């Protein structure tokens, strides 16, 4: 668990996750809240929803990056090809 958390806060993982969160978050905010933003109908609840909209891709990217790094460290273990019955 300590290794996992250390990788989560490592600079490369945080940088990649931040870029993913900014790009994906901006797209999702414009899709989900674009009309409200254009109308000026933004209250505290909507701002909270927009923050969560950015946090989700950050977390997904972080988990994916850490999982990939740990898999690469252990080496990819491919399953043996299945033998056909003759």
PDB file of N, CA and C in Angstrom:
ATOM      1  N   UNK A   1       0.826  -1.199   0.000  1.00  0.00           N
ATOM      2  CA  UNK A   1       0.000   0.000   0.000  1.00  0.00           C
ATOM      3  C   UNK A   1       0.870   1.264   0.000  1.00  0.00           C
ATOM      4  N   UNK A   2       1.986   1.206   0.739  1.00  0.00           N
ATOM      5  CA  UNK A   2       2.862   2.369   0.804  1.00  0.00           C
ATOM      6  C   UNK A   2       3.459   2.687  -0.571  1.00  0.00           C
ATOM      7  N   UNK A   3       3.852   1.645  -1.305  1.00  0.00           N
ATOM      8  CA  UNK A   3       4.401   1.845  -2.651  1.00  0.00           C
ATOM      9  C   UNK A   3       3.340   2.462  -3.554  1.00  0.00           C
ATOM     10  N   UNK A   4       2.127   1.955  -3.436  1.00  0.00           N
ATOM     11  CA  UNK A   4       1.028   2.457  -4.264  1.00  0.00           C
ATOM     12  C   UNK A   4       0.805   3.945  -4.006  1.00  0.00           C
ATOM     13  N   UNK A   5       0.744   4.330  -2.738  1.00  0.00           N
ATOM     14  CA  UNK A   5       0.525   5.737  -2.400  1.00  0.00           C
ATOM     15  C   UNK A   5       1.710   6.607  -2.805  1.00  0.00           C
ATOM     16  N   UNK A   6       2.920   6.074  -2.673  1.00  0.00           N
ATOM     17  CA  UNK A   6       4.108   6.819  -3.096  1.00  0.00           C
ATOM     18  C   UNK A   6       4.056   7.094  -4.587  1.00  0.00           C
ATOM     19  N   UNK A   7       3.647   6.099  -5.362  1.00  0.00           N
ATOM     20  CA  UNK A   7       3.515   6.312  -6.810  1.00  0.00           C
ATOM     21  C   UNK A   7       2.409   7.317  -7.126  1.00  0.00           C
ATOM     22  N   UNK A   8       1.337   7.307  -6.339  1.00  0.00           N
ATOM     23  CA  UNK A   8       0.229   8.249  -6.568  1.00  0.00           C
ATOM     24  C   UNK A   8       0.680   9.695  -6.478  1.00  0.00           C
ATOM     25  N   UNK A   9       1.614   9.968  -5.577  1.00  0.00           N
ATOM     26  CA  UNK A   9       2.049  11.358  -5.390  1.00  0.00           C
ATOM     27  C   UNK A   9       3.381  11.647  -6.077  1.00  0.00           C
ATOM     28  N   UNK A  10       3.829  10.723  -6.919  1.00  0.00           N
ATOM     29  CA  UNK A  10       5.058  10.973  -7.667  1.00  0.00           C
ATOM     30  C   UNK A  10       4.785  12.016  -8.753  1.00  0.00           C
ATOM     31  N   UNK A  11       5.806  12.789  -9.068  1.00  0.00           N
ATOM     32  CA  UNK A  11       5.656  13.902 -10.010  1.00  0.00           C
ATOM     33  C   UNK A  11       5.137  13.466 -11.387  1.00  0.00           C
ATOM     34  N   UNK A  12       5.689  12.402 -11.995  1.00  0.00           N
ATOM     35  CA  UNK A  12       5.182  12.021 -13.326  1.00  0.00           C
ATOM     36  C   UNK A  12       3.707  11.609 -13.317  1.00  0.00           C
ATOM     37  N   UNK A  13       3.297  10.873 -12.286  1.00  0.00           N
ATOM     38  CA  UNK A  13       1.899  10.433 -12.209  1.00  0.00           C
ATOM     39  C   UNK A  13       0.989  11.628 -11.979  1.00  0.00           C
ATOM     40  N   UNK A  14       1.368  12.517 -11.077  1.00  0.00           N
ATOM     41  CA  UNK A  14       0.541  13.694 -10.802  1.00  0.00           C
ATOM     42  C   UNK A  14       0.453  14.615 -12.016  1.00  0.00           C
ATOM     43  N   UNK A  15       1.552  14.745 -12.747  1.00  0.00           N
ATOM     44  CA  UNK A  15       1.552  15.604 -13.944  1.00  0.00           C
ATOM     45  C   UNK A  15       0.614  15.038 -15.013  1.00  0.00           C
ATOM     46  N   UNK A  16       0.725  13.722 -15.245  1.00  0.00           N
ATOM     47  CA  UNK A  16      -0.136  13.087 -16.252  1.00  0.00           C
ATOM     48  C   UNK A  16      -1.597  13.160 -15.838  1.00  0.00           C
ATOM     49  N   UNK A  17      -1.872  12.907 -14.577  1.00  0.00           N
ATOM     50  CA  UNK A  17      -3.247  12.948 -14.088  1.00  0.00           C
ATOM     51  C   UNK A  17      -3.823  14.362 -14.160  1.00  0.00           C
ATOM     52  N   UNK A  18      -2.984  15.353 -13.881  1.00  0.00           N
ATOM     53  CA  UNK A  18      -3.448  16.746 -13.941  1.00  0.00           C
ATOM     54  C   UNK A  18      -3.829  17.145 -15.356  1.00  0.00           C
ATOM     55  N   UNK A  19      -2.988  16.763 -16.314  1.00  0.00           N
ATOM     56  CA  UNK A  19      -3.318  17.087 -17.703  1.00  0.00           C
ATOM     57  C   UNK A  19      -4.602  16.379 -18.141  1.00  0.00           C
ATOM     58  N   UNK A  20      -4.741  15.140 -17.759  1.00  0.00           N
ATOM     59  CA  UNK A  20      -5.966  14.409 -18.098  1.00  0.00           C
ATOM     60  C   UNK A  20      -7.183  15.067 -17.468  1.00  0.00           C
ATOM     61  N   UNK A  21      -7.054  15.466 -16.206  1.00  0.00           N
ATOM     62  CA  UNK A  21      -8.173  16.091 -15.504  1.00  0.00           C
ATOM     63  C   UNK A  21      -8.566  17.414 -16.149  1.00  0.00           C
ATOM     64  N   UNK A  22      -7.574  18.204 -16.540  1.00  0.00           N
ATOM     65  CA  UNK A  22      -7.871  19.505 -17.157  1.00  0.00           C
ATOM     66  C   UNK A  22      -8.579  19.314 -18.497  1.00  0.00           C
ATOM     67  N   UNK A  23      -8.046  18.437 -19.316  1.00  0.00           N
ATOM     68  CA  UNK A  23      -8.619  18.251 -20.658  1.00  0.00           C
ATOM     69  C   UNK A  23      -9.988  17.584 -20.588  1.00  0.00           C
ATOM     70  N   UNK A  24     -10.054  16.422 -19.940  1.00  0.00           N
ATOM     71  CA  UNK A  24     -11.321  15.688 -19.863  1.00  0.00           C
ATOM     72  C   UNK A  24     -12.335  16.467 -19.030  1.00  0.00           C
ATOM     73  N   UNK A  25     -11.875  17.059 -17.924  1.00  0.00           N
ATOM     74  CA  UNK A  25     -12.764  17.849 -17.067  1.00  0.00           C
ATOM     75  C   UNK A  25     -13.393  19.010 -17.810  1.00  0.00           C
ATOM     76  N   UNK A  26     -12.583  19.732 -18.598  1.00  0.00           N
ATOM     77  CA  UNK A  26     -13.111  20.864 -19.356  1.00  0.00           C
ATOM     78  C   UNK A  26     -14.167  20.412 -20.362  1.00  0.00           C
ATOM     79  N   UNK A  27     -13.904  19.302 -21.014  1.00  0.00           N
ATOM     80  CA  UNK A  27     -14.871  18.781 -21.983  1.00  0.00           C
ATOM     81  C   UNK A  27     -16.168  18.386 -21.277  1.00  0.00           C
ATOM     82  N   UNK A  28     -16.049  17.661 -20.163  1.00  0.00           N
ATOM     83  CA  UNK A  28     -17.247  17.228 -19.439  1.00  0.00           C
ATOM     84  C   UNK A  28     -18.012  18.405 -18.827  1.00  0.00           C
ATOM     85  N   UNK A  29     -17.293  19.396 -18.332  1.00  0.00           N
ATOM     86  CA  UNK A  29     -17.965  20.582 -17.781  1.00  0.00           C
ATOM     87  C   UNK A  29     -18.735  21.303 -18.877  1.00  0.00           C
ATOM     88  N   UNK A  30     -18.110  21.438 -20.045  1.00  0.00           N
ATOM     89  CA  UNK A  30     -18.823  22.130 -21.127  1.00  0.00           C
ATOM     90  C   UNK A  30     -20.053  21.351 -21.581  1.00  0.00           C
ATOM     91  N   UNK A  31     -19.959  20.025 -21.578  1.00  0.00           N
ATOM     92  CA  UNK A  31     -21.111  19.208 -21.964  1.00  0.00           C
ATOM     93  C   UNK A  31     -22.209  19.276 -20.905  1.00  0.00           C
ATOM     94  N   UNK A  32     -21.825  19.079 -19.644  1.00  0.00           N
ATOM     95  CA  UNK A  32     -22.817  18.958 -18.575  1.00  0.00           C
ATOM     96  C   UNK A  32     -23.306  20.283 -17.997  1.00  0.00           C
ATOM     97  N   UNK A  33     -22.482  21.306 -18.055  1.00  0.00           N
ATOM     98  CA  UNK A  33     -22.837  22.568 -17.400  1.00  0.00           C
ATOM     99  C   UNK A  33     -22.739  23.774 -18.328  1.00  0.00           C
ATOM    100  N   UNK A  34     -22.481  23.544 -19.587  1.00  0.00           N
ATOM    101  CA  UNK A  34     -22.293  24.637 -20.536  1.00  0.00           C
ATOM    102  C   UNK A  34     -23.461  25.606 -20.597  1.00  0.00           C
ATOM    103  N   UNK A  35     -24.678  25.090 -20.679  1.00  0.00           N
ATOM    104  CA  UNK A  35     -25.853  25.969 -20.755  1.00  0.00           C
ATOM    105  C   UNK A  35     -25.986  26.829 -19.507  1.00  0.00           C
ATOM    106  N   UNK A  36     -25.773  26.236 -18.351  1.00  0.00           N
ATOM    107  CA  UNK A  36     -25.885  26.987 -17.092  1.00  0.00           C
ATOM    108  C   UNK A  36     -24.803  28.060 -17.010  1.00  0.00           C
ATOM    109  N   UNK A  37     -23.605  27.749 -17.473  1.00  0.00           N
ATOM    110  CA  UNK A  37     -22.526  28.737 -17.455  1.00  0.00           C
ATOM    111  C   UNK A  37     -22.875  29.899 -18.370  1.00  0.00           C
ATOM    112  N   UNK A  38     -23.371  29.593 -19.569  1.00  0.00           N
ATOM    113  CA  UNK A  38     -23.726  30.656 -20.512  1.00  0.00           C
ATOM    114  C   UNK A  38     -24.873  31.523 -19.996  1.00  0.00           C
ATOM    115  N   UNK A  39     -25.804  30.928 -19.255  1.00  0.00           N
ATOM    116  CA  UNK A  39     -26.930  31.685 -18.699  1.00  0.00           C
ATOM    117  C   UNK A  39     -26.558  32.414 -17.413  1.00  0.00           C
ATOM    118  N   UNK A  40     -25.395  32.105 -16.859  1.00  0.00           N
ATOM    119  CA  UNK A  40     -25.003  32.705 -15.588  1.00  0.00           C
ATOM    120  C   UNK A  40     -25.685  32.061 -14.401  1.00  0.00           C
ATOM    121  N   UNK A  41     -26.189  30.875 -14.595  1.00  0.00           N
ATOM    122  CA  UNK A  41     -26.911  30.146 -13.547  1.00  0.00           C
ATOM    123  C   UNK A  41     -25.954  29.191 -12.820  1.00  0.00           C
ATOM    124  N   UNK A  42     -24.925  29.765 -12.185  1.00  0.00           N
ATOM    125  CA  UNK A  42     -23.913  28.960 -11.493  1.00  0.00           C
ATOM    126  C   UNK A  42     -23.983  29.286 -10.009  1.00  0.00           C
ATOM    127  N   UNK A  43     -24.381  28.288  -9.226  1.00  0.00           N
ATOM    128  CA  UNK A  43     -24.438  28.459  -7.776  1.00  0.00           C
ATOM    129  C   UNK A  43     -23.397  27.548  -7.120  1.00  0.00           C
ATOM    130  N   UNK A  44     -23.374  27.536  -5.801  1.00  0.00           N
ATOM    131  CA  UNK A  44     -22.386  26.748  -5.074  1.00  0.00           C
ATOM    132  C   UNK A  44     -22.486  25.264  -5.403  1.00  0.00           C
ATOM    133  N   UNK A  45     -23.694  24.750  -5.503  1.00  0.00           N
ATOM    134  CA  UNK A  45     -23.885  23.328  -5.809  1.00  0.00           C
ATOM    135  C   UNK A  45     -23.309  22.985  -7.168  1.00  0.00           C
ATOM    136  N   UNK A  46     -23.540  23.838  -8.143  1.00  0.00           N
ATOM    137  CA  UNK A  46     -23.017  23.576  -9.485  1.00  0.00           C
ATOM    138  C   UNK A  46     -21.496  23.654  -9.505  1.00  0.00           C
ATOM    139  N   UNK A  47     -20.926  24.593  -8.759  1.00  0.00           N
ATOM    140  CA  UNK A  47     -19.465  24.686  -8.685  1.00  0.00           C
ATOM    141  C   UNK A  47     -18.895  23.419  -8.059  1.00  0.00           C
ATOM    142  N   UNK A  48     -19.550  22.913  -7.025  1.00  0.00           N
ATOM    143  CA  UNK A  48     -19.127  21.666  -6.400  1.00  0.00           C
ATOM    144  C   UNK A  48     -19.193  20.511  -7.405  1.00  0.00           C
ATOM    145  N   UNK A  49     -20.252  20.464  -8.187  1.00  0.00           N
ATOM    146  CA  UNK A  49     -20.386  19.425  -9.215  1.00  0.00           C
ATOM    147  C   UNK A  49     -19.270  19.546 -10.259  1.00  0.00           C
ATOM    148  N   UNK A  50     -18.922  20.770 -10.628  1.00  0.00           N
ATOM    149  CA  UNK A  50     -17.842  20.973 -11.597  1.00  0.00           C
ATOM    150  C   UNK A  50     -16.500  20.518 -11.024  1.00  0.00           C
ATOM    151  N   UNK A  51     -16.280  20.768  -9.751  1.00  0.00           N
ATOM    152  CA  UNK A  51     -15.042  20.307  -9.111  1.00  0.00           C
ATOM    153  C   UNK A  51     -14.967  18.786  -9.127  1.00  0.00           C
ATOM    154  N   UNK A  52     -16.072  18.141  -8.814  1.00  0.00           N
ATOM    155  CA  UNK A  52     -16.101  16.681  -8.847  1.00  0.00           C
ATOM    156  C   UNK A  52     -15.906  16.161 -10.274  1.00  0.00           C
ATOM    157  N   UNK A  53     -16.397  16.907 -11.247  1.00  0.00           N
ATOM    158  CA  UNK A  53     -16.241  16.534 -12.642  1.00  0.00           C
ATOM    159  C   UNK A  53     -14.767  16.512 -13.039  1.00  0.00           C
ATOM    160  N   UNK A  54     -13.960  17.347 -12.421  1.00  0.00           N
ATOM    161  CA  UNK A  54     -12.525  17.375 -12.707  1.00  0.00           C
ATOM    162  C   UNK A  54     -11.783  16.328 -11.871  1.00  0.00           C
ATOM    163  N   UNK A  55     -12.233  16.089 -10.656  1.00  0.00           N
ATOM    164  CA  UNK A  55     -11.556  15.143  -9.769  1.00  0.00           C
ATOM    165  C   UNK A  55     -11.661  13.711 -10.286  1.00  0.00           C
ATOM    166  N   UNK A  56     -12.781  13.361 -10.873  1.00  0.00           N
ATOM    167  CA  UNK A  56     -12.977  11.975 -11.338  1.00  0.00           C
ATOM    168  C   UNK A  56     -11.941  11.578 -12.392  1.00  0.00           C
ATOM    169  N   UNK A  57     -11.714  12.359 -13.461  1.00  0.00           N
ATOM    170  CA  UNK A  57     -10.683  11.943 -14.418  1.00  0.00           C
ATOM    171  C   UNK A  57      -9.278  11.948 -13.803  1.00  0.00           C
ATOM    172  N   UNK A  58      -9.040  12.821 -12.823  1.00  0.00           N
ATOM    173  CA  UNK A  58      -7.748  12.819 -12.135  1.00  0.00           C
ATOM    174  C   UNK A  58      -7.540  11.474 -11.432  1.00  0.00           C
ATOM    175  N   UNK A  59      -8.557  11.028 -10.724  1.00  0.00           N
ATOM    176  CA  UNK A  59      -8.452   9.769  -9.991  1.00  0.00           C
ATOM    177  C   UNK A  59      -8.323   8.575 -10.942  1.00  0.00           C
ATOM    178  N   UNK A  60      -9.081   8.578 -12.006  1.00  0.00           N
ATOM    179  CA  UNK A  60      -9.015   7.482 -12.977  1.00  0.00           C
ATOM    180  C   UNK A  60      -7.624   7.409 -13.599  1.00  0.00           C
ATOM    181  N   UNK A  61      -7.081   8.550 -13.977  1.00  0.00           N
ATOM    182  CA  UNK A  61      -5.749   8.582 -14.565  1.00  0.00           C
ATOM    183  C   UNK A  61      -4.695   8.132 -13.570  1.00  0.00           C
ATOM    184  N   UNK A  62      -4.828   8.554 -12.319  1.00  0.00           N
ATOM    185  CA  UNK A  62      -3.866   8.164 -11.283  1.00  0.00           C
ATOM    186  C   UNK A  62      -3.887   6.653 -11.067  1.00  0.00           C
ATOM    187  N   UNK A  63      -5.062   6.090 -10.904  1.00  0.00           N
ATOM    188  CA  UNK A  63      -5.175   4.643 -10.686  1.00  0.00           C
ATOM    189  C   UNK A  63      -4.621   3.872 -11.875  1.00  0.00           C
ATOM    190  N   UNK A  64      -4.934   4.330 -13.074  1.00  0.00           N
ATOM    191  CA  UNK A  64      -4.448   3.667 -14.277  1.00  0.00           C
ATOM    192  C   UNK A  64      -2.924   3.734 -14.372  1.00  0.00           C
ATOM    193  N   UNK A  65      -2.358   4.900 -14.116  1.00  0.00           N
ATOM    194  CA  UNK A  65      -0.904   5.059 -14.187  1.00  0.00           C
ATOM    195  C   UNK A  65      -0.191   4.206 -13.156  1.00  0.00           C
ATOM    196  N   UNK A  66      -0.674   4.225 -11.928  1.00  0.00           N
ATOM    197  CA  UNK A  66      -0.040   3.445 -10.864  1.00  0.00           C
ATOM    198  C   UNK A  66      -0.156   1.951 -11.160  1.00  0.00           C
ATOM    199  N   UNK A  67      -1.303   1.513 -11.622  1.00  0.00           N
ATOM    200  CA  UNK A  67      -1.478   0.099 -11.960  1.00  0.00           C
ATOM    201  C   UNK A  67      -0.528  -0.321 -13.074  1.00  0.00           C
ATOM    202  N   UNK A  68      -0.371   0.530 -14.062  1.00  0.00           N
ATOM    203  CA  UNK A  68       0.538   0.236 -15.171  1.00  0.00           C
ATOM    204  C   UNK A  68       1.985   0.172 -14.698  1.00  0.00           C
ATOM    205  N   UNK A  69       2.383   1.123 -13.861  1.00  0.00           N
ATOM    206  CA  UNK A  69       3.748   1.112 -13.337  1.00  0.00           C
ATOM    207  C   UNK A  69       4.024  -0.142 -12.512  1.00  0.00           C
ATOM    208  N   UNK A  70       3.075  -0.540 -11.693  1.00  0.00           N
ATOM    209  CA  UNK A  70       3.262  -1.744 -10.884  1.00  0.00           C
ATOM    210  C   UNK A  70       3.298  -3.006 -11.748  1.00  0.00           C
ATOM    211  N   UNK A  71       2.473  -3.049 -12.780  1.00  0.00           N
ATOM    212  CA  UNK A  71       2.485  -4.196 -13.691  1.00  0.00           C
ATOM    213  C   UNK A  71       3.804  -4.283 -14.437  1.00  0.00           C
ATOM    214  N   UNK A  72       4.315  -3.133 -14.872  1.00  0.00           N
ATOM    215  CA  UNK A  72       5.583  -3.108 -15.594  1.00  0.00           C
ATOM    216  C   UNK A  72       6.729  -3.529 -14.679  1.00  0.00           C
ATOM    217  N   UNK A  73       6.660  -3.148 -13.420  1.00  0.00           N
ATOM    218  CA  UNK A  73       7.695  -3.521 -12.465  1.00  0.00           C
ATOM    219  C   UNK A  73       7.719  -5.031 -12.247  1.00  0.00           C
ATOM    220  N   UNK A  74       6.562  -5.650 -12.204  1.00  0.00           N
ATOM    221  CA  UNK A  74       6.479  -7.098 -12.011  1.00  0.00           C
ATOM    222  C   UNK A  74       6.734  -7.850 -13.310  1.00  0.00           C
ATOM    223  N   UNK A  75       6.665  -7.160 -14.407  1.00  0.00           N
ATOM    224  CA  UNK A  75       6.800  -7.805 -15.712  1.00  0.00           C
ATOM    225  C   UNK A  75       5.442  -8.284 -16.167  1.00  0.00           C
ATOM    226  N   UNK A  76       5.178  -8.152 -17.437  1.00  0.00           N
ATOM    227  CA  UNK A  76       3.896  -8.578 -17.961  1.00  0.00           C
ATOM    228  C   UNK A  76       3.857 -10.096 -17.984  1.00  0.00           C
ATOM    229  N   UNK A  77       2.840 -10.650 -17.377  1.00  0.00           N
ATOM    230  CA  UNK A  77       2.667 -12.087 -17.358  1.00  0.00           C
ATOM    231  C   UNK A  77       1.527 -12.453 -18.296  1.00  0.00           C
ATOM    232  N   UNK A  78       1.905 -12.925 -19.439  1.00  0.00           N
ATOM    233  CA  UNK A  78       0.904 -13.306 -20.419  1.00  0.00           C
ATOM    234  C   UNK A  78       0.509 -14.747 -20.192  1.00  0.00           C
ATOM    235  N   UNK A  79      -0.737 -15.020 -20.429  1.00  0.00           N
ATOM    236  CA  UNK A  79      -1.211 -16.393 -20.299  1.00  0.00           C
ATOM    237  C   UNK A  79      -0.642 -17.235 -21.434  1.00  0.00           C
ATOM    238  N   UNK A  80      -0.392 -18.477 -21.140  1.00  0.00           N
ATOM    239  CA  UNK A  80       0.086 -19.395 -22.166  1.00  0.00           C
ATOM    240  C   UNK A  80      -1.015 -19.603 -23.185  1.00  0.00           C
ATOM    241  N   UNK A  81      -0.637 -19.691 -24.475  1.00  0.00           N
ATOM    242  CA  UNK A  81      -1.677 -19.901 -25.487  1.00  0.00           C
ATOM    243  C   UNK A  81      -2.385 -21.231 -25.256  1.00  0.00           C
ATOM    244  N   UNK A  82      -3.673 -21.216 -25.563  1.00  0.00           N
ATOM    245  CA  UNK A  82      -4.471 -22.424 -25.376  1.00  0.00           C
ATOM    246  C   UNK A  82      -4.140 -23.430 -26.470  1.00  0.00           C
ATOM    247  N   UNK A  83      -4.033 -24.683 -26.076  1.00  0.00           N
ATOM    248  CA  UNK A  83      -3.768 -25.738 -27.063  1.00  0.00           C
ATOM    249  C   UNK A  83      -5.095 -26.246 -27.599  1.00  0.00           C
ATOM    250  N   UNK A  84      -5.101 -26.472 -28.886  1.00  0.00           N
ATOM    251  CA  UNK A  84      -6.310 -26.995 -29.526  1.00  0.00           C
ATOM    252  C   UNK A  84      -6.323 -28.522 -29.413  1.00  0.00           C
ATOM    253  N   UNK A  85      -7.490 -29.018 -29.126  1.00  0.00           N
ATOM    254  CA  UNK A  85      -7.656 -30.471 -29.105  1.00  0.00           C
ATOM    255  C   UNK A  85      -7.738 -30.969 -30.547  1.00  0.00           C
ATOM    256  N   UNK A  86      -6.999 -32.011 -30.823  1.00  0.00           N
ATOM    257  CA  UNK A  86      -6.999 -32.520 -32.183  1.00  0.00           C
ATOM    258  C   UNK A  86      -7.737 -33.813 -32.261  1.00  0.00           C
TER     259      UNK A  86
END
